[in-house]
Amino acid sequence: MRSEQNPLLTVITATFNSEETIEATINSLLKQTVKPFEYIVVDGLSQDKTMEIVGASEVKFKAAGIKLKCISERDEGIYDAWNKALRLVEGEWVAFLGSDDLYVSNALELYRNKAIEHPDIDFITAKAKLISGDKVVRQFGEPFKWETFKREMKILHAGGFLNVHYFKEHGTFDQTYKITGDYELLLRKGKKLKVSFIDQVLVHMGADGVSSTHVASAFKEARRARVKNKARNTVLAYFDYYWVMFKIKIKMVLVNG
């Protein structure tokens, strides 16, 4: 383990048939302005060239002083994959970066600096751009406010860093969730969750991720997570769900004329 003045960061990526995007994700890590760090790839037994691409990058990671760990075996979904990766983590701070997501080049430097500045917080988050092709669909991510968070997940989880003590105190991901397990995990501490925010775009996210393409299912899972962790009672959780869905439909009407 490193000292608080030089904390080791661990980045985890779950992959499955990600040959079209994983190389760009890897390159974004190799271009980071701060090293060393640890990178763990947990693959769900891809049938394409994903692991071949990861394997080919091993020499580059070694030359850069980045510890690379890989697993490729069948899993039960992204949260099962992430839980497997957590058993291999050596770092004090852990991030989950999608296989079609990219860090900007100084992202880990800024995250590490914030970790040094606030070693006792639970989570460090920032902003992201959601990108489809060459088009920025939207930008999101904001400071943590419990009154907002208990009704809607507006802070960015992808690429943000969780202190390993959080997993020791509150457990790992609940695999009964398929889309919003990261939100459920953070809800466990409730209003006592300690979050630090970096007011910069540090992640570019692919717009075709699971939570982006299964909106209604994601909001239903989020409703269940809020009730489970007593963030909202059942009636208010249903109200939040229908209110968000209504806002989405209004936006679609406005966008489509």
C-alpha atoms as a PDB file:
ATOM      1  CA  MET A   1       0.000   0.000   0.000  1.00  0.00           C
ATOM      2  CA  ARG A   2       1.185   3.540  -0.762  1.00  0.00           C
ATOM      3  CA  SER A   3       1.250   6.460   1.632  1.00  0.00           C
ATOM      4  CA  GLU A   4      -1.466   9.115   1.622  1.00  0.00           C
ATOM      5  CA  GLN A   5       1.015  11.420  -0.132  1.00  0.00           C
ATOM      6  CA  ASN A   6       1.290   9.022  -3.071  1.00  0.00           C
ATOM      7  CA  PRO A   7      -1.862   6.879  -3.128  1.00  0.00           C
ATOM      8  CA  LEU A   8      -2.034   4.043  -5.601  1.00  0.00           C
ATOM      9  CA  LEU A   9      -5.005   4.340  -7.947  1.00  0.00           C
ATOM     10  CA  THR A  10      -6.731   1.303  -9.453  1.00  0.00           C
ATOM     11  CA  VAL A  11      -8.870   1.511 -12.603  1.00  0.00           C
ATOM     12  CA  ILE A  12     -11.207  -1.384 -13.452  1.00  0.00           C
ATOM     13  CA  THR A  13     -12.790  -2.081 -16.843  1.00  0.00           C
ATOM     14  CA  ALA A  14     -15.327  -4.837 -17.513  1.00  0.00           C
ATOM     15  CA  THR A  15     -15.353  -6.014 -21.123  1.00  0.00           C
ATOM     16  CA  PHE A  16     -17.441  -8.250 -23.344  1.00  0.00           C
ATOM     17  CA  ASN A  17     -16.949  -8.265 -27.112  1.00  0.00           C
ATOM     18  CA  SER A  18     -15.458  -4.776 -26.873  1.00  0.00           C
ATOM     19  CA  GLU A  19     -12.986  -4.968 -29.760  1.00  0.00           C
ATOM     20  CA  GLU A  20     -14.336  -1.802 -31.404  1.00  0.00           C
ATOM     21  CA  THR A  21     -13.752   0.440 -28.376  1.00  0.00           C
ATOM     22  CA  ILE A  22     -11.296  -1.097 -25.899  1.00  0.00           C
ATOM     23  CA  GLU A  23      -8.139   0.057 -27.693  1.00  0.00           C
ATOM     24  CA  ALA A  24      -9.167   3.715 -27.378  1.00  0.00           C
ATOM     25  CA  THR A  25      -9.925   3.165 -23.676  1.00  0.00           C
ATOM     26  CA  ILE A  26      -6.483   1.598 -23.192  1.00  0.00           C
ATOM     27  CA  ASN A  27      -4.770   4.423 -25.050  1.00  0.00           C
ATOM     28  CA  SER A  28      -6.459   6.991 -22.828  1.00  0.00           C
ATOM     29  CA  LEU A  29      -4.891   5.248 -19.833  1.00  0.00           C
ATOM     30  CA  LEU A  30      -1.458   5.012 -21.410  1.00  0.00           C
ATOM     31  CA  LYS A  31      -1.570   8.784 -22.068  1.00  0.00           C
ATOM     32  CA  GLN A  32      -2.171   9.706 -18.424  1.00  0.00           C
ATOM     33  CA  THR A  33       0.122  12.372 -17.021  1.00  0.00           C
ATOM     34  CA  VAL A  34       0.525  10.559 -13.702  1.00  0.00           C
ATOM     35  CA  LYS A  35       1.888   7.061 -13.126  1.00  0.00           C
ATOM     36  CA  PRO A  36       2.144   4.453 -11.731  1.00  0.00           C
ATOM     37  CA  PHE A  37      -1.344   3.075 -11.272  1.00  0.00           C
ATOM     38  CA  GLU A  38      -3.032  -0.306 -11.525  1.00  0.00           C
ATOM     39  CA  TYR A  39      -5.342  -1.387 -14.361  1.00  0.00           C
ATOM     40  CA  ILE A  40      -7.603  -4.431 -14.088  1.00  0.00           C
ATOM     41  CA  VAL A  41      -9.537  -5.827 -17.054  1.00  0.00           C
ATOM     42  CA  VAL A  42     -12.284  -8.344 -16.282  1.00  0.00           C
ATOM     43  CA  ASP A  43     -13.592  -9.915 -19.462  1.00  0.00           C
ATOM     44  CA  GLY A  44     -16.788 -11.946 -19.764  1.00  0.00           C
ATOM     45  CA  LEU A  45     -15.260 -14.510 -22.118  1.00  0.00           C
ATOM     46  CA  SER A  46     -15.418 -12.390 -25.256  1.00  0.00           C
ATOM     47  CA  GLN A  47     -15.739 -14.138 -28.611  1.00  0.00           C
ATOM     48  CA  ASP A  48     -14.073 -11.351 -30.583  1.00  0.00           C
ATOM     49  CA  LYS A  49     -10.567  -9.829 -30.434  1.00  0.00           C
ATOM     50  CA  THR A  50     -11.013  -7.990 -27.138  1.00  0.00           C
ATOM     51  CA  MET A  51      -8.493 -10.015 -25.155  1.00  0.00           C
ATOM     52  CA  GLU A  52      -6.084 -10.094 -28.083  1.00  0.00           C
ATOM     53  CA  ILE A  53      -6.084  -6.277 -28.053  1.00  0.00           C
ATOM     54  CA  VAL A  54      -5.626  -6.179 -24.273  1.00  0.00           C
ATOM     55  CA  GLY A  55      -2.807  -8.706 -24.464  1.00  0.00           C
ATOM     56  CA  ALA A  56      -1.027  -6.717 -27.165  1.00  0.00           C
ATOM     57  CA  SER A  57      -0.996  -3.685 -24.858  1.00  0.00           C
ATOM     58  CA  GLU A  58       0.784  -5.518 -22.024  1.00  0.00           C
ATOM     59  CA  VAL A  59       4.253  -4.425 -23.176  1.00  0.00           C
ATOM     60  CA  LYS A  60       3.139  -0.775 -23.327  1.00  0.00           C
ATOM     61  CA  PHE A  61       1.679  -0.913 -19.832  1.00  0.00           C
ATOM     62  CA  LYS A  62       4.845  -2.485 -18.463  1.00  0.00           C
ATOM     63  CA  ALA A  63       7.023   0.155 -20.135  1.00  0.00           C
ATOM     64  CA  ALA A  64       4.837   2.878 -18.609  1.00  0.00           C
ATOM     65  CA  GLY A  65       5.101   1.382 -15.125  1.00  0.00           C
ATOM     66  CA  ILE A  66       1.421   0.469 -15.020  1.00  0.00           C
ATOM     67  CA  LYS A  67       0.492  -2.848 -13.438  1.00  0.00           C
ATOM     68  CA  LEU A  68      -1.929  -4.724 -15.716  1.00  0.00           C
ATOM     69  CA  LYS A  69      -4.094  -7.597 -14.470  1.00  0.00           C
ATOM     70  CA  CYS A  70      -6.535  -9.548 -16.660  1.00  0.00           C
ATOM     71  CA  ILE A  71      -9.255 -12.146 -16.161  1.00  0.00           C
ATOM     72  CA  SER A  72     -11.364 -13.701 -18.903  1.00  0.00           C
ATOM     73  CA  GLU A  73     -14.156 -15.994 -17.762  1.00  0.00           C
ATOM     74  CA  ARG A  74     -17.927 -16.176 -17.861  1.00  0.00           C
ATOM     75  CA  ASP A  75     -19.728 -13.781 -15.512  1.00  0.00           C
ATOM     76  CA  GLU A  76     -23.265 -12.831 -14.508  1.00  0.00           C
ATOM     77  CA  GLY A  77     -23.093  -9.230 -15.657  1.00  0.00           C
ATOM     78  CA  ILE A  78     -21.136  -6.053 -15.034  1.00  0.00           C
ATOM     79  CA  TYR A  79     -21.521  -6.021 -11.245  1.00  0.00           C
ATOM     80  CA  ASP A  80     -20.349  -9.623 -10.989  1.00  0.00           C
ATOM     81  CA  ALA A  81     -17.326  -8.622 -13.095  1.00  0.00           C
ATOM     82  CA  TRP A  82     -16.611  -5.585 -10.928  1.00  0.00           C
ATOM     83  CA  ASN A  83     -16.875  -7.654  -7.740  1.00  0.00           C
ATOM     84  CA  LYS A  84     -14.344 -10.128  -9.163  1.00  0.00           C
ATOM     85  CA  ALA A  85     -11.993  -7.249  -9.929  1.00  0.00           C
ATOM     86  CA  LEU A  86     -12.328  -5.855  -6.406  1.00  0.00           C
ATOM     87  CA  ARG A  87     -10.737  -9.032  -5.060  1.00  0.00           C
ATOM     88  CA  LEU A  88      -7.571  -8.168  -7.024  1.00  0.00           C
ATOM     89  CA  VAL A  89      -7.305  -4.496  -6.091  1.00  0.00           C
ATOM     90  CA  GLU A  90      -4.100  -3.269  -4.487  1.00  0.00           C
ATOM     91  CA  GLY A  91      -4.848   0.453  -4.638  1.00  0.00           C
ATOM     92  CA  GLU A  92      -6.344   2.767  -2.028  1.00  0.00           C
ATOM     93  CA  TRP A  93      -8.750   4.322  -4.533  1.00  0.00           C
ATOM     94  CA  VAL A  94     -10.785   2.424  -7.144  1.00  0.00           C
ATOM     95  CA  ALA A  95     -12.489   3.627 -10.351  1.00  0.00           C
ATOM     96  CA  PHE A  96     -14.737   1.829 -12.840  1.00  0.00           C
ATOM     97  CA  LEU A  97     -14.215   2.922 -16.439  1.00  0.00           C
ATOM     98  CA  GLY A  98     -16.428   1.531 -19.210  1.00  0.00           C
ATOM     99  CA  SER A  99     -14.916  -0.289 -22.166  1.00  0.00           C
ATOM    100  CA  ASP A 100     -16.178   2.512 -24.427  1.00  0.00           C
ATOM    101  CA  ASP A 101     -15.180   5.357 -22.086  1.00  0.00           C
ATOM    102  CA  LEU A 102     -12.047   7.526 -22.175  1.00  0.00           C
ATOM    103  CA  TYR A 103     -10.168   9.562 -19.592  1.00  0.00           C
ATOM    104  CA  VAL A 104      -8.814  12.955 -20.574  1.00  0.00           C
ATOM    105  CA  SER A 105      -5.012  12.923 -20.289  1.00  0.00           C
ATOM    106  CA  ASN A 106      -4.729  14.588 -16.862  1.00  0.00           C
ATOM    107  CA  ALA A 107      -7.738  12.872 -15.261  1.00  0.00           C
ATOM    108  CA  LEU A 108      -5.808  10.555 -12.946  1.00  0.00           C
ATOM    109  CA  GLU A 109      -3.481  13.369 -11.915  1.00  0.00           C
ATOM    110  CA  LEU A 110      -6.437  15.481 -10.823  1.00  0.00           C
ATOM    111  CA  TYR A 111      -8.121  12.551  -9.075  1.00  0.00           C
ATOM    112  CA  ARG A 112      -4.897  11.665  -7.249  1.00  0.00           C
ATOM    113  CA  ASN A 113      -4.371  15.268  -6.137  1.00  0.00           C
ATOM    114  CA  LYS A 114      -7.898  15.362  -4.758  1.00  0.00           C
ATOM    115  CA  ALA A 115      -7.309  12.040  -2.949  1.00  0.00           C
ATOM    116  CA  ILE A 116      -4.183  13.479  -1.322  1.00  0.00           C
ATOM    117  CA  GLU A 117      -6.083  16.618  -0.349  1.00  0.00           C
ATOM    118  CA  HIS A 118      -9.058  14.692   1.101  1.00  0.00           C
ATOM    119  CA  PRO A 119      -7.870  11.198   2.158  1.00  0.00           C
ATOM    120  CA  ASP A 120     -10.905  10.488   4.349  1.00  0.00           C
ATOM    121  CA  ILE A 121     -13.723  11.126   1.864  1.00  0.00           C
ATOM    122  CA  ASP A 122     -15.667   8.286   0.277  1.00  0.00           C
ATOM    123  CA  PHE A 123     -15.894   9.263  -3.364  1.00  0.00           C
ATOM    124  CA  ILE A 124     -14.329  11.665  -5.864  1.00  0.00           C
ATOM    125  CA  THR A 125     -16.426  12.599  -8.881  1.00  0.00           C
ATOM    126  CA  ALA A 126     -16.209  14.993 -11.840  1.00  0.00           C
ATOM    127  CA  LYS A 127     -18.011  15.831 -15.087  1.00  0.00           C
ATOM    128  CA  ALA A 128     -18.366  13.804 -18.283  1.00  0.00           C
ATOM    129  CA  LYS A 129     -19.333  14.302 -21.882  1.00  0.00           C
ATOM    130  CA  LEU A 130     -21.699  11.720 -23.367  1.00  0.00           C
ATOM    131  CA  ILE A 131     -20.559  11.149 -26.947  1.00  0.00           C
ATOM    132  CA  SER A 132     -22.136   9.410 -29.939  1.00  0.00           C
ATOM    133  CA  GLY A 133     -19.772   9.249 -32.887  1.00  0.00           C
ATOM    134  CA  ASP A 134     -18.289  12.732 -33.187  1.00  0.00           C
ATOM    135  CA  LYS A 135     -21.271  14.409 -31.527  1.00  0.00           C
ATOM    136  CA  VAL A 136     -21.495  15.470 -27.889  1.00  0.00           C
ATOM    137  CA  VAL A 137     -24.976  14.371 -26.787  1.00  0.00           C
ATOM    138  CA  ARG A 138     -24.795  16.115 -23.434  1.00  0.00           C
ATOM    139  CA  GLN A 139     -22.540  17.022 -20.534  1.00  0.00           C
ATOM    140  CA  PHE A 140     -23.380  15.976 -17.004  1.00  0.00           C
ATOM    141  CA  GLY A 141     -22.042  15.545 -13.485  1.00  0.00           C
ATOM    142  CA  GLU A 142     -22.523  17.923 -10.556  1.00  0.00           C
ATOM    143  CA  PRO A 143     -21.609  18.366  -6.877  1.00  0.00           C
ATOM    144  CA  PHE A 144     -23.192  15.962  -4.408  1.00  0.00           C
ATOM    145  CA  LYS A 145     -26.328  17.178  -2.659  1.00  0.00           C
ATOM    146  CA  TRP A 146     -28.233  14.604  -0.641  1.00  0.00           C
ATOM    147  CA  GLU A 147     -31.629  16.199  -1.312  1.00  0.00           C
ATOM    148  CA  THR A 148     -31.036  15.711  -5.044  1.00  0.00           C
ATOM    149  CA  PHE A 149     -29.163  12.413  -4.836  1.00  0.00           C
ATOM    150  CA  LYS A 150     -31.883  10.620  -2.872  1.00  0.00           C
ATOM    151  CA  ARG A 151     -34.284  11.325  -5.749  1.00  0.00           C
ATOM    152  CA  GLU A 152     -32.022  11.097  -8.784  1.00  0.00           C
ATOM    153  CA  MET A 153     -28.474   9.969  -9.646  1.00  0.00           C
ATOM    154  CA  LYS A 154     -26.887  13.171 -10.961  1.00  0.00           C
ATOM    155  CA  ILE A 155     -23.306  12.712  -9.822  1.00  0.00           C
ATOM    156  CA  LEU A 156     -20.968  10.878 -12.173  1.00  0.00           C
ATOM    157  CA  HIS A 157     -19.916   7.372 -11.127  1.00  0.00           C
ATOM    158  CA  ALA A 158     -18.065   6.301 -14.295  1.00  0.00           C
ATOM    159  CA  GLY A 159     -14.364   6.950 -13.887  1.00  0.00           C
ATOM    160  CA  GLY A 160     -14.765   8.470 -10.407  1.00  0.00           C
ATOM    161  CA  PHE A 161     -12.748   7.059  -7.505  1.00  0.00           C
ATOM    162  CA  LEU A 162     -14.114   5.284  -4.437  1.00  0.00           C
ATOM    163  CA  ASN A 163     -11.979   4.988  -1.334  1.00  0.00           C
ATOM    164  CA  VAL A 164     -11.376   1.278  -0.642  1.00  0.00           C
ATOM    165  CA  HIS A 165     -12.554   1.805   2.936  1.00  0.00           C
ATOM    166  CA  TYR A 166     -16.064   2.293   1.529  1.00  0.00           C
ATOM    167  CA  PHE A 167     -16.187  -1.320   0.273  1.00  0.00           C
ATOM    168  CA  LYS A 168     -14.894  -2.578   3.622  1.00  0.00           C
ATOM    169  CA  GLU A 169     -17.600  -0.674   5.487  1.00  0.00           C
ATOM    170  CA  HIS A 170     -20.557  -1.051   3.101  1.00  0.00           C
ATOM    171  CA  GLY A 171     -19.859  -4.149   1.011  1.00  0.00           C
ATOM    172  CA  THR A 172     -19.534  -4.680  -2.724  1.00  0.00           C
ATOM    173  CA  PHE A 173     -22.052  -4.422  -5.586  1.00  0.00           C
ATOM    174  CA  ASP A 174     -25.481  -6.048  -5.279  1.00  0.00           C
ATOM    175  CA  GLN A 175     -25.652  -8.331  -8.317  1.00  0.00           C
ATOM    176  CA  THR A 176     -29.459  -8.370  -8.366  1.00  0.00           C
ATOM    177  CA  TYR A 177     -29.122  -4.956 -10.035  1.00  0.00           C
ATOM    178  CA  LYS A 178     -28.251  -4.986 -13.735  1.00  0.00           C
ATOM    179  CA  ILE A 179     -27.947  -1.238 -14.469  1.00  0.00           C
ATOM    180  CA  THR A 180     -27.971   0.929 -11.327  1.00  0.00           C
ATOM    181  CA  GLY A 181     -25.896  -1.101  -8.874  1.00  0.00           C
ATOM    182  CA  ASP A 182     -23.391   1.758  -8.611  1.00  0.00           C
ATOM    183  CA  TYR A 183     -26.157   4.120  -7.448  1.00  0.00           C
ATOM    184  CA  GLU A 184     -27.427   1.557  -4.942  1.00  0.00           C
ATOM    185  CA  LEU A 185     -23.908   1.127  -3.535  1.00  0.00           C
ATOM    186  CA  LEU A 186     -23.537   4.865  -2.900  1.00  0.00           C
ATOM    187  CA  LEU A 187     -27.022   5.120  -1.371  1.00  0.00           C
ATOM    188  CA  ARG A 188     -26.017   2.746   1.426  1.00  0.00           C
ATOM    189  CA  LYS A 189     -24.329   5.510   3.425  1.00  0.00           C
ATOM    190  CA  GLY A 190     -27.197   7.924   2.887  1.00  0.00           C
ATOM    191  CA  LYS A 191     -26.744  11.578   3.756  1.00  0.00           C
ATOM    192  CA  LYS A 192     -23.424  10.777   5.475  1.00  0.00           C
ATOM    193  CA  LEU A 193     -21.779  10.006   2.122  1.00  0.00           C
ATOM    194  CA  LYS A 194     -18.700  12.231   1.763  1.00  0.00           C
ATOM    195  CA  VAL A 195     -18.103  13.309  -1.844  1.00  0.00           C
ATOM    196  CA  SER A 196     -15.558  15.658  -3.403  1.00  0.00           C
ATOM    197  CA  PHE A 197     -16.275  17.195  -6.803  1.00  0.00           C
ATOM    198  CA  ILE A 198     -13.835  18.212  -9.552  1.00  0.00           C
ATOM    199  CA  ASP A 199     -15.522  20.842 -11.705  1.00  0.00           C
ATOM    200  CA  GLN A 200     -13.980  19.662 -14.978  1.00  0.00           C
ATOM    201  CA  VAL A 201     -14.803  17.138 -17.702  1.00  0.00           C
ATOM    202  CA  LEU A 202     -12.503  14.188 -17.005  1.00  0.00           C
ATOM    203  CA  VAL A 203     -14.348  11.384 -18.828  1.00  0.00           C
ATOM    204  CA  HIS A 204     -15.764  10.977 -22.327  1.00  0.00           C
ATOM    205  CA  MET A 205     -18.461   8.307 -22.255  1.00  0.00           C
ATOM    206  CA  GLY A 206     -19.897   6.265 -25.090  1.00  0.00           C
ATOM    207  CA  ALA A 207     -23.616   6.978 -25.508  1.00  0.00           C
ATOM    208  CA  ASP A 208     -24.511   3.334 -26.157  1.00  0.00           C
ATOM    209  CA  GLY A 209     -23.926   1.953 -22.653  1.00  0.00           C
ATOM    210  CA  VAL A 210     -26.479  -0.211 -20.837  1.00  0.00           C
ATOM    211  CA  SER A 211     -27.901   2.587 -18.679  1.00  0.00           C
ATOM    212  CA  SER A 212     -28.201   4.854 -21.723  1.00  0.00           C
ATOM    213  CA  THR A 213     -30.137   2.387 -23.862  1.00  0.00           C
ATOM    214  CA  HIS A 214     -32.415   0.957 -21.141  1.00  0.00           C
ATOM    215  CA  VAL A 215     -33.715   4.153 -19.556  1.00  0.00           C
ATOM    216  CA  ALA A 216     -37.027   2.864 -18.134  1.00  0.00           C
ATOM    217  CA  SER A 217     -35.390  -0.228 -16.622  1.00  0.00           C
ATOM    218  CA  ALA A 218     -32.656   1.919 -15.088  1.00  0.00           C
ATOM    219  CA  PHE A 219     -35.174   4.223 -13.414  1.00  0.00           C
ATOM    220  CA  LYS A 220     -37.152   1.254 -12.065  1.00  0.00           C
ATOM    221  CA  GLU A 221     -33.987  -0.184 -10.537  1.00  0.00           C
ATOM    222  CA  ALA A 222     -33.095   3.211  -9.093  1.00  0.00           C
ATOM    223  CA  ARG A 223     -36.550   3.388  -7.497  1.00  0.00           C
ATOM    224  CA  ARG A 224     -35.943   0.000  -5.863  1.00  0.00           C
ATOM    225  CA  ALA A 225     -32.518   1.124  -4.615  1.00  0.00           C
ATOM    226  CA  ARG A 226     -33.970   4.227  -2.960  1.00  0.00           C
ATOM    227  CA  VAL A 227     -36.623   2.239  -1.128  1.00  0.00           C
ATOM    228  CA  LYS A 228     -34.168  -0.490  -0.093  1.00  0.00           C
ATOM    229  CA  ASN A 229     -31.787   2.032   1.466  1.00  0.00           C
ATOM    230  CA  LYS A 230     -34.550   4.160   3.005  1.00  0.00           C
ATOM    231  CA  ALA A 231     -33.609   7.195   0.949  1.00  0.00           C
ATOM    232  CA  ARG A 232     -37.295   7.518  -0.030  1.00  0.00           C
ATOM    233  CA  ASN A 233     -40.444   5.749   1.070  1.00  0.00           C
ATOM    234  CA  THR A 234     -42.342   3.696  -1.493  1.00  0.00           C
ATOM    235  CA  VAL A 235     -44.877   6.414  -2.367  1.00  0.00           C
ATOM    236  CA  LEU A 236     -42.249   9.120  -2.884  1.00  0.00           C
ATOM    237  CA  ALA A 237     -40.020   6.727  -4.825  1.00  0.00           C
ATOM    238  CA  TYR A 238     -42.863   6.045  -7.268  1.00  0.00           C
ATOM    239  CA  PHE A 239     -43.549   9.774  -7.544  1.00  0.00           C
ATOM    240  CA  ASP A 240     -39.871  10.421  -8.376  1.00  0.00           C
ATOM    241  CA  TYR A 241     -39.959   7.691 -11.013  1.00  0.00           C
ATOM    242  CA  TYR A 242     -43.044   9.018 -12.820  1.00  0.00           C
ATOM    243  CA  TRP A 243     -41.856  12.615 -12.559  1.00  0.00           C
ATOM    244  CA  VAL A 244     -38.499  11.799 -14.210  1.00  0.00           C
ATOM    245  CA  MET A 245     -40.193   9.745 -16.928  1.00  0.00           C
ATOM    246  CA  PHE A 246     -42.594  12.644 -17.574  1.00  0.00           C
ATOM    247  CA  LYS A 247     -39.673  15.083 -17.946  1.00  0.00           C
ATOM    248  CA  ILE A 248     -37.972  12.743 -20.413  1.00  0.00           C
ATOM    249  CA  LYS A 249     -41.126  12.493 -22.547  1.00  0.00           C
ATOM    250  CA  ILE A 250     -41.499  16.286 -22.564  1.00  0.00           C
ATOM    251  CA  LYS A 251     -37.877  16.652 -23.716  1.00  0.00           C
ATOM    252  CA  MET A 252     -38.467  14.131 -26.508  1.00  0.00           C
ATOM    253  CA  VAL A 253     -41.520  16.046 -27.692  1.00  0.00           C
ATOM    254  CA  LEU A 254     -39.591  19.315 -27.712  1.00  0.00           C
ATOM    255  CA  VAL A 255     -36.598  17.792 -29.508  1.00  0.00           C
ATOM    256  CA  ASN A 256     -38.747  16.086 -32.142  1.00  0.00           C
ATOM    257  CA  GLY A 257     -40.940  19.136 -32.667  1.00  0.00           C
END
